[in-house]
């Protein structure tokens, strides 16, 4: 479904990880291998409704090696 929705968008690459059972790290590795961009956003396919404002804020913070979510001062997210 994500490929059908975003497949025609040149600014979005939907990547399927055939080794997803190996865990989150394998999905991140798969996404990184599919990109040659200087900066990129990696998001799980089951979180497609992240508001545009979140990506805009993250884009303003680019230049860091990696950004990770925090929630109430702790590493992680409210999900």
C-alpha atoms as a PDB file:
ATOM      1  CA  UNK A   1       0.000   0.000   0.000  1.00  0.00           C
ATOM      2  CA  UNK A   2       2.820   2.459   0.760  1.00  0.00           C
ATOM      3  CA  UNK A   3       4.451   1.745  -2.589  1.00  0.00           C
ATOM      4  CA  UNK A   4       1.149   2.439  -4.355  1.00  0.00           C
ATOM      5  CA  UNK A   5       0.716   5.679  -2.438  1.00  0.00           C
ATOM      6  CA  UNK A   6       4.257   7.055  -2.654  1.00  0.00           C
ATOM      7  CA  UNK A   7       5.777   5.204  -5.624  1.00  0.00           C
ATOM      8  CA  UNK A   8       5.328   8.156  -7.981  1.00  0.00           C
ATOM      9  CA  UNK A   9       7.016  10.612  -5.577  1.00  0.00           C
ATOM     10  CA  UNK A  10      10.679  11.048  -6.543  1.00  0.00           C
ATOM     11  CA  UNK A  11      11.460  12.524  -3.108  1.00  0.00           C
ATOM     12  CA  UNK A  12      10.253   9.412  -1.235  1.00  0.00           C
ATOM     13  CA  UNK A  13      11.794   5.967  -1.487  1.00  0.00           C
ATOM     14  CA  UNK A  14       9.806   3.113  -0.007  1.00  0.00           C
ATOM     15  CA  UNK A  15      12.171   0.292   0.905  1.00  0.00           C
ATOM     16  CA  UNK A  16      11.051  -3.221   1.814  1.00  0.00           C
ATOM     17  CA  UNK A  17      13.333  -5.137   4.152  1.00  0.00           C
ATOM     18  CA  UNK A  18      13.095  -8.851   3.325  1.00  0.00           C
ATOM     19  CA  UNK A  19      15.051  -9.588   6.527  1.00  0.00           C
ATOM     20  CA  UNK A  20      12.709  -7.670   8.854  1.00  0.00           C
ATOM     21  CA  UNK A  21      12.630 -10.612  11.271  1.00  0.00           C
ATOM     22  CA  UNK A  22      16.259  -9.763  12.089  1.00  0.00           C
ATOM     23  CA  UNK A  23      15.028  -6.623  13.865  1.00  0.00           C
ATOM     24  CA  UNK A  24      15.030  -2.858  13.581  1.00  0.00           C
ATOM     25  CA  UNK A  25      18.756  -2.649  12.877  1.00  0.00           C
ATOM     26  CA  UNK A  26      18.351  -4.656   9.684  1.00  0.00           C
ATOM     27  CA  UNK A  27      15.594  -2.301   8.527  1.00  0.00           C
ATOM     28  CA  UNK A  28      17.769   0.736   9.135  1.00  0.00           C
ATOM     29  CA  UNK A  29      20.666  -0.920   7.304  1.00  0.00           C
ATOM     30  CA  UNK A  30      18.364  -1.698   4.374  1.00  0.00           C
ATOM     31  CA  UNK A  31      17.167   1.923   4.222  1.00  0.00           C
ATOM     32  CA  UNK A  32      20.685   3.340   4.383  1.00  0.00           C
ATOM     33  CA  UNK A  33      21.851   1.001   1.619  1.00  0.00           C
ATOM     34  CA  UNK A  34      19.034   2.259  -0.625  1.00  0.00           C
ATOM     35  CA  UNK A  35      20.054   5.913  -0.323  1.00  0.00           C
ATOM     36  CA  UNK A  36      22.905   8.073  -1.522  1.00  0.00           C
ATOM     37  CA  UNK A  37      21.508  11.260   0.045  1.00  0.00           C
ATOM     38  CA  UNK A  38      23.504  13.499   2.369  1.00  0.00           C
ATOM     39  CA  UNK A  39      20.483  13.689   4.696  1.00  0.00           C
ATOM     40  CA  UNK A  40      17.486  11.408   4.968  1.00  0.00           C
ATOM     41  CA  UNK A  41      14.533  10.590   7.169  1.00  0.00           C
ATOM     42  CA  UNK A  42      13.907   6.994   8.127  1.00  0.00           C
ATOM     43  CA  UNK A  43      10.409   6.158   9.278  1.00  0.00           C
ATOM     44  CA  UNK A  44       8.623   2.884   9.822  1.00  0.00           C
ATOM     45  CA  UNK A  45       5.916   2.083   7.302  1.00  0.00           C
ATOM     46  CA  UNK A  46       3.368   1.807  10.097  1.00  0.00           C
ATOM     47  CA  UNK A  47       3.924   5.465  11.053  1.00  0.00           C
ATOM     48  CA  UNK A  48       2.917   7.203   7.806  1.00  0.00           C
ATOM     49  CA  UNK A  49       0.991  10.048   9.457  1.00  0.00           C
ATOM     50  CA  UNK A  50       3.856  11.937  11.054  1.00  0.00           C
ATOM     51  CA  UNK A  51       2.920  15.624  10.686  1.00  0.00           C
ATOM     52  CA  UNK A  52       4.807  17.759   8.158  1.00  0.00           C
ATOM     53  CA  UNK A  53       5.856  20.089  10.996  1.00  0.00           C
ATOM     54  CA  UNK A  54       7.879  17.304  12.620  1.00  0.00           C
ATOM     55  CA  UNK A  55       9.917  16.825   9.449  1.00  0.00           C
ATOM     56  CA  UNK A  56      10.347  20.592   9.089  1.00  0.00           C
ATOM     57  CA  UNK A  57      11.757  20.808  12.624  1.00  0.00           C
ATOM     58  CA  UNK A  58      14.058  17.867  11.991  1.00  0.00           C
ATOM     59  CA  UNK A  59      15.254  19.427   8.732  1.00  0.00           C
ATOM     60  CA  UNK A  60      16.207  22.588  10.626  1.00  0.00           C
ATOM     61  CA  UNK A  61      18.350  20.444  12.959  1.00  0.00           C
ATOM     62  CA  UNK A  62      20.204  18.689  10.116  1.00  0.00           C
ATOM     63  CA  UNK A  63      23.960  18.604  10.312  1.00  0.00           C
ATOM     64  CA  UNK A  64      23.990  16.297  13.302  1.00  0.00           C
ATOM     65  CA  UNK A  65      25.163  12.794  12.614  1.00  0.00           C
ATOM     66  CA  UNK A  66      21.847  11.386  13.841  1.00  0.00           C
ATOM     67  CA  UNK A  67      18.757  12.641  15.624  1.00  0.00           C
ATOM     68  CA  UNK A  68      16.741  10.392  17.898  1.00  0.00           C
ATOM     69  CA  UNK A  69      13.305  11.025  19.376  1.00  0.00           C
ATOM     70  CA  UNK A  70      12.796  12.035  22.969  1.00  0.00           C
ATOM     71  CA  UNK A  71       9.637  12.194  25.034  1.00  0.00           C
ATOM     72  CA  UNK A  72       9.434  14.210  28.238  1.00  0.00           C
ATOM     73  CA  UNK A  73      13.206  14.431  28.427  1.00  0.00           C
ATOM     74  CA  UNK A  74      13.770  10.696  27.966  1.00  0.00           C
ATOM     75  CA  UNK A  75      15.005   8.825  24.889  1.00  0.00           C
ATOM     76  CA  UNK A  76      12.066   7.263  23.091  1.00  0.00           C
ATOM     77  CA  UNK A  77       8.647   8.384  21.889  1.00  0.00           C
ATOM     78  CA  UNK A  78       5.094   8.372  23.207  1.00  0.00           C
ATOM     79  CA  UNK A  79       4.055   5.370  21.118  1.00  0.00           C
END
